[in-house]
N, C-alpha and C. Protein backbone atom coordinates (compact mmCIF):
# COMPACT_ATOMS: atom_id res chain seq x y z
N MET A 1 -36.43 -27.39 -68.89
CA MET A 1 -36.76 -26.54 -67.78
C MET A 1 -38.13 -26.95 -67.23
N ALA A 2 -38.25 -27.06 -65.92
CA ALA A 2 -39.52 -27.39 -65.28
C ALA A 2 -40.52 -26.27 -65.51
N ARG A 3 -41.79 -26.63 -65.45
CA ARG A 3 -42.83 -25.64 -65.71
C ARG A 3 -44.08 -26.01 -64.92
N VAL A 4 -44.73 -25.02 -64.34
CA VAL A 4 -46.00 -25.22 -63.66
C VAL A 4 -47.12 -24.98 -64.68
N CYS A 5 -48.03 -25.92 -64.77
CA CYS A 5 -49.21 -25.79 -65.64
C CYS A 5 -50.42 -25.70 -64.73
N THR A 6 -51.05 -24.54 -64.70
CA THR A 6 -52.16 -24.33 -63.77
C THR A 6 -53.50 -24.68 -64.39
N GLN A 7 -54.45 -24.98 -63.54
CA GLN A 7 -55.80 -25.28 -64.02
C GLN A 7 -56.40 -24.07 -64.72
N ALA A 8 -56.07 -22.87 -64.25
CA ALA A 8 -56.59 -21.64 -64.86
C ALA A 8 -56.11 -21.47 -66.30
N GLU A 9 -54.93 -22.02 -66.62
CA GLU A 9 -54.37 -21.92 -67.97
C GLU A 9 -54.74 -23.11 -68.86
N ALA A 10 -55.42 -24.10 -68.31
CA ALA A 10 -55.71 -25.33 -69.04
C ALA A 10 -56.63 -25.05 -70.23
N LYS A 11 -56.45 -25.84 -71.26
CA LYS A 11 -57.30 -25.75 -72.45
C LYS A 11 -58.60 -26.50 -72.18
N ARG A 12 -59.73 -25.80 -72.34
CA ARG A 12 -61.05 -26.43 -72.17
C ARG A 12 -61.41 -27.12 -73.47
N LEU A 13 -61.73 -28.40 -73.37
CA LEU A 13 -62.05 -29.21 -74.55
C LEU A 13 -63.56 -29.37 -74.67
N GLY A 14 -64.07 -29.28 -75.85
CA GLY A 14 -65.50 -29.44 -76.08
C GLY A 14 -65.85 -30.88 -76.38
N LEU A 15 -65.72 -31.74 -75.38
CA LEU A 15 -65.98 -33.16 -75.57
C LEU A 15 -67.34 -33.53 -75.00
N PRO A 16 -68.05 -34.46 -75.65
CA PRO A 16 -69.40 -34.81 -75.19
C PRO A 16 -69.41 -35.54 -73.85
N GLY A 17 -70.41 -35.24 -73.04
CA GLY A 17 -70.66 -35.98 -71.81
C GLY A 17 -69.75 -35.69 -70.65
N ARG A 18 -68.89 -34.69 -70.78
CA ARG A 18 -67.96 -34.39 -69.69
C ARG A 18 -67.35 -33.01 -69.87
N THR A 19 -66.80 -32.51 -68.79
CA THR A 19 -65.99 -31.30 -68.84
C THR A 19 -64.54 -31.77 -68.80
N ALA A 20 -63.75 -31.36 -69.76
CA ALA A 20 -62.36 -31.81 -69.82
C ALA A 20 -61.43 -30.63 -69.97
N LEU A 21 -60.43 -30.59 -69.10
CA LEU A 21 -59.39 -29.56 -69.15
C LEU A 21 -58.06 -30.24 -69.44
N GLU A 22 -57.39 -29.80 -70.49
CA GLU A 22 -56.08 -30.36 -70.82
C GLU A 22 -55.03 -29.51 -70.11
N LEU A 23 -54.45 -30.10 -69.07
CA LEU A 23 -53.47 -29.40 -68.24
C LEU A 23 -52.07 -29.42 -68.86
N VAL A 24 -51.70 -30.58 -69.41
CA VAL A 24 -50.37 -30.77 -69.99
C VAL A 24 -50.54 -31.48 -71.33
N SER A 25 -49.80 -31.02 -72.34
CA SER A 25 -49.82 -31.66 -73.66
C SER A 25 -48.69 -31.05 -74.49
N GLY A 26 -48.61 -31.49 -75.72
CA GLY A 26 -47.62 -30.92 -76.62
C GLY A 26 -47.79 -29.43 -76.81
N GLU A 27 -49.03 -28.95 -76.78
CA GLU A 27 -49.28 -27.51 -76.90
C GLU A 27 -48.64 -26.73 -75.75
N LYS A 28 -48.45 -27.38 -74.60
CA LYS A 28 -47.85 -26.74 -73.43
C LYS A 28 -46.35 -27.03 -73.33
N GLY A 29 -45.81 -27.73 -74.33
CA GLY A 29 -44.39 -28.00 -74.35
C GLY A 29 -43.99 -29.41 -73.97
N ALA A 30 -44.96 -30.27 -73.63
CA ALA A 30 -44.64 -31.66 -73.29
C ALA A 30 -44.18 -32.42 -74.54
N ARG A 31 -43.25 -33.34 -74.37
CA ARG A 31 -42.79 -34.14 -75.49
C ARG A 31 -43.44 -35.52 -75.53
N ALA A 32 -43.90 -36.01 -74.37
CA ALA A 32 -44.40 -37.39 -74.36
C ALA A 32 -45.46 -37.64 -73.30
N VAL A 33 -46.28 -36.64 -72.98
CA VAL A 33 -47.35 -36.87 -72.01
C VAL A 33 -48.49 -35.87 -72.24
N THR A 34 -49.70 -36.37 -72.00
CA THR A 34 -50.89 -35.53 -71.94
C THR A 34 -51.58 -35.86 -70.63
N LEU A 35 -52.03 -34.82 -69.94
CA LEU A 35 -52.74 -34.97 -68.67
C LEU A 35 -54.02 -34.15 -68.74
N ARG A 36 -55.12 -34.81 -68.48
CA ARG A 36 -56.43 -34.14 -68.49
C ARG A 36 -57.13 -34.31 -67.16
N LEU A 37 -57.80 -33.25 -66.74
CA LEU A 37 -58.69 -33.27 -65.59
C LEU A 37 -60.10 -33.33 -66.15
N VAL A 38 -60.84 -34.38 -65.80
CA VAL A 38 -62.15 -34.64 -66.39
C VAL A 38 -63.20 -34.74 -65.29
N GLU A 39 -64.33 -34.06 -65.51
CA GLU A 39 -65.47 -34.20 -64.60
C GLU A 39 -66.65 -34.74 -65.39
N ILE A 40 -67.18 -35.85 -64.92
CA ILE A 40 -68.36 -36.45 -65.54
C ILE A 40 -69.52 -36.16 -64.61
N PRO A 41 -70.50 -35.39 -65.08
CA PRO A 41 -71.60 -34.99 -64.20
C PRO A 41 -72.56 -36.15 -63.94
N VAL A 42 -73.43 -35.91 -62.97
CA VAL A 42 -74.52 -36.85 -62.70
C VAL A 42 -75.40 -36.85 -63.95
N PRO A 43 -75.73 -38.03 -64.49
CA PRO A 43 -76.55 -38.05 -65.70
C PRO A 43 -77.96 -37.52 -65.45
N ALA A 44 -78.44 -36.75 -66.40
CA ALA A 44 -79.82 -36.25 -66.33
C ALA A 44 -80.78 -37.36 -66.74
N PRO A 45 -81.99 -37.37 -66.18
CA PRO A 45 -82.97 -38.40 -66.58
C PRO A 45 -83.21 -38.37 -68.09
N GLY A 46 -83.15 -39.54 -68.71
CA GLY A 46 -83.40 -39.67 -70.14
C GLY A 46 -82.23 -39.27 -71.03
N GLU A 47 -81.12 -38.88 -70.43
CA GLU A 47 -79.94 -38.48 -71.20
C GLU A 47 -79.35 -39.67 -71.94
N THR A 48 -78.96 -39.47 -73.21
CA THR A 48 -78.32 -40.52 -73.99
C THR A 48 -76.87 -40.66 -73.53
N PRO A 49 -76.47 -41.86 -73.12
CA PRO A 49 -75.09 -42.04 -72.65
C PRO A 49 -74.07 -41.86 -73.77
N ARG A 50 -72.91 -41.40 -73.41
CA ARG A 50 -71.80 -41.23 -74.33
C ARG A 50 -71.36 -42.60 -74.86
N ALA A 51 -70.96 -42.64 -76.12
CA ALA A 51 -70.51 -43.89 -76.74
C ALA A 51 -69.05 -44.17 -76.37
N PRO A 52 -68.65 -45.44 -76.43
CA PRO A 52 -67.25 -45.78 -76.17
C PRO A 52 -66.31 -45.18 -77.22
N HIS A 53 -65.06 -45.03 -76.83
CA HIS A 53 -64.01 -44.54 -77.71
C HIS A 53 -62.79 -45.42 -77.52
N HIS A 54 -61.76 -45.21 -78.32
CA HIS A 54 -60.50 -45.94 -78.13
C HIS A 54 -59.33 -45.10 -78.60
N HIS A 55 -58.16 -45.49 -78.12
CA HIS A 55 -56.90 -44.86 -78.49
C HIS A 55 -56.08 -45.93 -79.20
N SER A 56 -55.88 -45.76 -80.49
CA SER A 56 -55.32 -46.85 -81.30
C SER A 56 -53.87 -47.19 -80.98
N ASP A 57 -53.07 -46.20 -80.61
CA ASP A 57 -51.63 -46.45 -80.50
C ASP A 57 -51.05 -46.28 -79.10
N PHE A 58 -51.86 -45.99 -78.11
CA PHE A 58 -51.33 -45.73 -76.78
C PHE A 58 -52.35 -46.08 -75.72
N GLU A 59 -51.86 -46.34 -74.52
CA GLU A 59 -52.72 -46.66 -73.40
C GLU A 59 -53.21 -45.39 -72.71
N GLU A 60 -54.21 -45.57 -71.85
CA GLU A 60 -54.73 -44.49 -71.02
C GLU A 60 -54.76 -44.98 -69.58
N CYS A 61 -54.33 -44.13 -68.67
CA CYS A 61 -54.43 -44.44 -67.25
C CYS A 61 -55.40 -43.44 -66.64
N ILE A 62 -56.45 -43.96 -66.02
CA ILE A 62 -57.49 -43.14 -65.40
C ILE A 62 -57.34 -43.26 -63.89
N TYR A 63 -57.21 -42.11 -63.21
CA TYR A 63 -57.13 -42.09 -61.75
C TYR A 63 -58.34 -41.33 -61.23
N VAL A 64 -59.07 -41.93 -60.28
CA VAL A 64 -60.29 -41.32 -59.75
C VAL A 64 -59.94 -40.44 -58.55
N LEU A 65 -60.21 -39.15 -58.70
CA LEU A 65 -60.00 -38.19 -57.61
C LEU A 65 -61.19 -38.13 -56.66
N ALA A 66 -62.40 -38.18 -57.22
CA ALA A 66 -63.62 -38.07 -56.40
C ALA A 66 -64.78 -38.75 -57.11
N GLY A 67 -65.71 -39.26 -56.31
CA GLY A 67 -66.92 -39.86 -56.86
C GLY A 67 -66.76 -41.36 -57.12
N ARG A 68 -67.77 -41.88 -57.78
CA ARG A 68 -67.81 -43.29 -58.16
C ARG A 68 -68.34 -43.39 -59.58
N GLY A 69 -67.86 -44.41 -60.28
CA GLY A 69 -68.32 -44.61 -61.63
C GLY A 69 -68.04 -46.02 -62.09
N THR A 70 -68.37 -46.26 -63.34
CA THR A 70 -68.14 -47.55 -63.97
C THR A 70 -67.51 -47.32 -65.32
N THR A 71 -66.43 -48.06 -65.59
CA THR A 71 -65.86 -48.07 -66.92
C THR A 71 -66.30 -49.34 -67.60
N PHE A 72 -66.90 -49.17 -68.77
CA PHE A 72 -67.31 -50.29 -69.61
C PHE A 72 -66.26 -50.41 -70.70
N ALA A 73 -65.60 -51.56 -70.77
CA ALA A 73 -64.51 -51.78 -71.72
C ALA A 73 -64.71 -53.11 -72.43
N ASP A 74 -63.98 -53.29 -73.53
CA ASP A 74 -64.04 -54.56 -74.25
C ASP A 74 -63.73 -55.74 -73.33
N SER A 75 -62.84 -55.52 -72.37
CA SER A 75 -62.39 -56.61 -71.50
C SER A 75 -63.26 -56.82 -70.27
N GLY A 76 -64.24 -55.93 -70.03
CA GLY A 76 -65.10 -56.11 -68.86
C GLY A 76 -65.65 -54.80 -68.33
N THR A 77 -66.31 -54.91 -67.19
CA THR A 77 -66.91 -53.76 -66.51
C THR A 77 -66.15 -53.55 -65.21
N TYR A 78 -65.74 -52.30 -64.97
CA TYR A 78 -64.89 -51.99 -63.83
C TYR A 78 -65.52 -50.91 -62.97
N GLN A 79 -65.81 -51.25 -61.72
CA GLN A 79 -66.35 -50.29 -60.75
C GLN A 79 -65.18 -49.48 -60.20
N LEU A 80 -65.33 -48.16 -60.18
CA LEU A 80 -64.25 -47.28 -59.75
C LEU A 80 -64.72 -46.34 -58.66
N GLN A 81 -63.80 -46.02 -57.74
CA GLN A 81 -64.08 -45.04 -56.70
C GLN A 81 -62.80 -44.25 -56.43
N ALA A 82 -62.92 -43.18 -55.67
CA ALA A 82 -61.78 -42.33 -55.37
C ALA A 82 -60.59 -43.17 -54.89
N GLY A 83 -59.42 -42.91 -55.47
CA GLY A 83 -58.20 -43.64 -55.12
C GLY A 83 -57.88 -44.79 -56.05
N ASP A 84 -58.82 -45.17 -56.91
CA ASP A 84 -58.59 -46.26 -57.86
C ASP A 84 -57.93 -45.73 -59.13
N ALA A 85 -57.16 -46.61 -59.77
CA ALA A 85 -56.58 -46.32 -61.08
C ALA A 85 -56.92 -47.48 -62.01
N LEU A 86 -57.18 -47.15 -63.26
CA LEU A 86 -57.50 -48.15 -64.27
C LEU A 86 -56.58 -47.92 -65.46
N LEU A 87 -55.93 -48.97 -65.92
CA LEU A 87 -55.07 -48.89 -67.10
C LEU A 87 -55.81 -49.54 -68.27
N VAL A 88 -56.02 -48.77 -69.33
CA VAL A 88 -56.71 -49.26 -70.52
C VAL A 88 -55.68 -49.41 -71.63
N PRO A 89 -55.51 -50.62 -72.19
CA PRO A 89 -54.50 -50.83 -73.23
C PRO A 89 -54.88 -50.18 -74.56
N PRO A 90 -53.90 -50.00 -75.43
CA PRO A 90 -54.18 -49.43 -76.75
C PRO A 90 -55.22 -50.25 -77.50
N GLY A 91 -56.12 -49.55 -78.18
CA GLY A 91 -57.12 -50.20 -79.02
C GLY A 91 -58.36 -50.71 -78.32
N GLU A 92 -58.38 -50.73 -76.99
CA GLU A 92 -59.54 -51.26 -76.27
C GLU A 92 -60.62 -50.18 -76.16
N LYS A 93 -61.80 -50.47 -76.69
CA LYS A 93 -62.92 -49.52 -76.57
C LYS A 93 -63.34 -49.44 -75.12
N HIS A 94 -63.63 -48.20 -74.67
CA HIS A 94 -64.02 -47.99 -73.28
C HIS A 94 -64.78 -46.68 -73.13
N VAL A 95 -65.57 -46.60 -72.07
CA VAL A 95 -66.26 -45.38 -71.69
C VAL A 95 -66.46 -45.44 -70.18
N THR A 96 -66.26 -44.31 -69.52
CA THR A 96 -66.47 -44.23 -68.08
C THR A 96 -67.71 -43.39 -67.83
N ARG A 97 -68.59 -43.91 -66.99
CA ARG A 97 -69.85 -43.22 -66.69
C ARG A 97 -70.00 -43.01 -65.20
N ASN A 98 -70.61 -41.90 -64.84
CA ASN A 98 -70.93 -41.59 -63.46
C ASN A 98 -72.13 -42.44 -63.03
N THR A 99 -72.02 -43.11 -61.90
CA THR A 99 -73.11 -43.97 -61.44
C THR A 99 -73.69 -43.51 -60.10
N GLU A 100 -73.30 -42.32 -59.65
CA GLU A 100 -73.74 -41.84 -58.34
C GLU A 100 -74.41 -40.48 -58.45
N SER A 101 -74.63 -39.84 -57.32
CA SER A 101 -75.33 -38.56 -57.28
C SER A 101 -74.39 -37.37 -57.09
N GLU A 102 -73.09 -37.62 -57.19
CA GLU A 102 -72.08 -36.56 -57.10
C GLU A 102 -71.21 -36.63 -58.37
N PRO A 103 -70.58 -35.52 -58.76
CA PRO A 103 -69.71 -35.57 -59.94
C PRO A 103 -68.59 -36.59 -59.77
N LEU A 104 -68.20 -37.19 -60.88
CA LEU A 104 -67.07 -38.11 -60.94
C LEU A 104 -65.89 -37.32 -61.51
N VAL A 105 -64.80 -37.24 -60.76
CA VAL A 105 -63.65 -36.43 -61.15
C VAL A 105 -62.45 -37.34 -61.38
N LEU A 106 -61.84 -37.22 -62.56
CA LEU A 106 -60.76 -38.11 -62.98
C LEU A 106 -59.54 -37.33 -63.44
N LEU A 107 -58.38 -37.93 -63.27
CA LEU A 107 -57.17 -37.50 -63.97
C LEU A 107 -56.91 -38.58 -65.03
N CYS A 108 -56.73 -38.15 -66.27
CA CYS A 108 -56.48 -39.09 -67.36
C CYS A 108 -55.09 -38.81 -67.94
N PHE A 109 -54.23 -39.83 -67.89
CA PHE A 109 -52.86 -39.73 -68.35
C PHE A 109 -52.69 -40.50 -69.65
N PHE A 110 -51.96 -39.93 -70.58
CA PHE A 110 -51.65 -40.56 -71.86
C PHE A 110 -50.16 -40.39 -72.13
N PRO A 111 -49.45 -41.42 -72.61
CA PRO A 111 -48.01 -41.34 -72.81
C PRO A 111 -47.61 -40.75 -74.17
N VAL A 112 -48.37 -39.78 -74.63
CA VAL A 112 -48.07 -39.06 -75.88
C VAL A 112 -48.43 -37.59 -75.68
N ALA A 113 -47.79 -36.73 -76.45
CA ALA A 113 -48.01 -35.28 -76.30
C ALA A 113 -49.28 -34.79 -77.00
N ASP A 114 -49.79 -35.58 -77.95
CA ASP A 114 -51.01 -35.19 -78.68
C ASP A 114 -51.84 -36.45 -78.90
N ILE A 115 -52.99 -36.53 -78.24
CA ILE A 115 -53.79 -37.75 -78.35
C ILE A 115 -54.80 -37.71 -79.48
N ALA A 116 -55.02 -36.54 -80.10
CA ALA A 116 -56.08 -36.39 -81.09
C ALA A 116 -55.96 -37.37 -82.26
N GLY A 117 -54.77 -37.51 -82.82
CA GLY A 117 -54.60 -38.37 -83.98
C GLY A 117 -54.85 -39.84 -83.74
N GLY A 118 -54.65 -40.30 -82.52
CA GLY A 118 -54.82 -41.72 -82.21
C GLY A 118 -56.10 -42.06 -81.48
N THR A 119 -57.00 -41.07 -81.33
CA THR A 119 -58.25 -41.30 -80.60
C THR A 119 -59.42 -41.31 -81.55
N ARG A 120 -60.28 -42.29 -81.39
CA ARG A 120 -61.50 -42.38 -82.19
C ARG A 120 -62.69 -42.39 -81.25
N GLU A 121 -63.52 -41.33 -81.37
CA GLU A 121 -64.71 -41.21 -80.53
C GLU A 121 -65.87 -40.75 -81.40
N PRO A 122 -66.99 -41.48 -81.37
CA PRO A 122 -68.15 -41.06 -82.14
C PRO A 122 -68.56 -39.62 -81.80
N GLY A 123 -68.77 -38.81 -82.82
CA GLY A 123 -69.22 -37.43 -82.61
C GLY A 123 -68.10 -36.44 -82.34
N VAL A 124 -66.85 -36.89 -82.32
CA VAL A 124 -65.73 -35.99 -82.08
C VAL A 124 -64.78 -36.05 -83.27
N ARG A 125 -64.49 -34.89 -83.81
CA ARG A 125 -63.55 -34.82 -84.93
C ARG A 125 -62.15 -34.54 -84.40
N SER A 126 -61.16 -35.26 -84.90
CA SER A 126 -59.76 -35.07 -84.47
C SER A 126 -59.20 -33.77 -84.99
């Protein structure tokens, strides 16, 4: 049965360096997808940047809704702006940072219902 998952019902995640809302996941009844709405704020002066993370068994697709940023990955550095999508393969370390003066807003898609077990991020417990 189809289901609407609203932003108001989304699970707020306590992840470093960003505001993340989990809109769709196994907790919401999905069998094979997780969708997150992520906002990366403008970095404060002297702020320590977030460390890279990776997803061992699945890819991540990042779609930029608003703003500009840079993803630093094992395979290179990728400049992103609204309308761009970036596909990160399984196991590749990466981090996306805001490089402008406005928030960077992303949709992050994962082809699994629960990403916690396959994600490794410094400072975050699965």
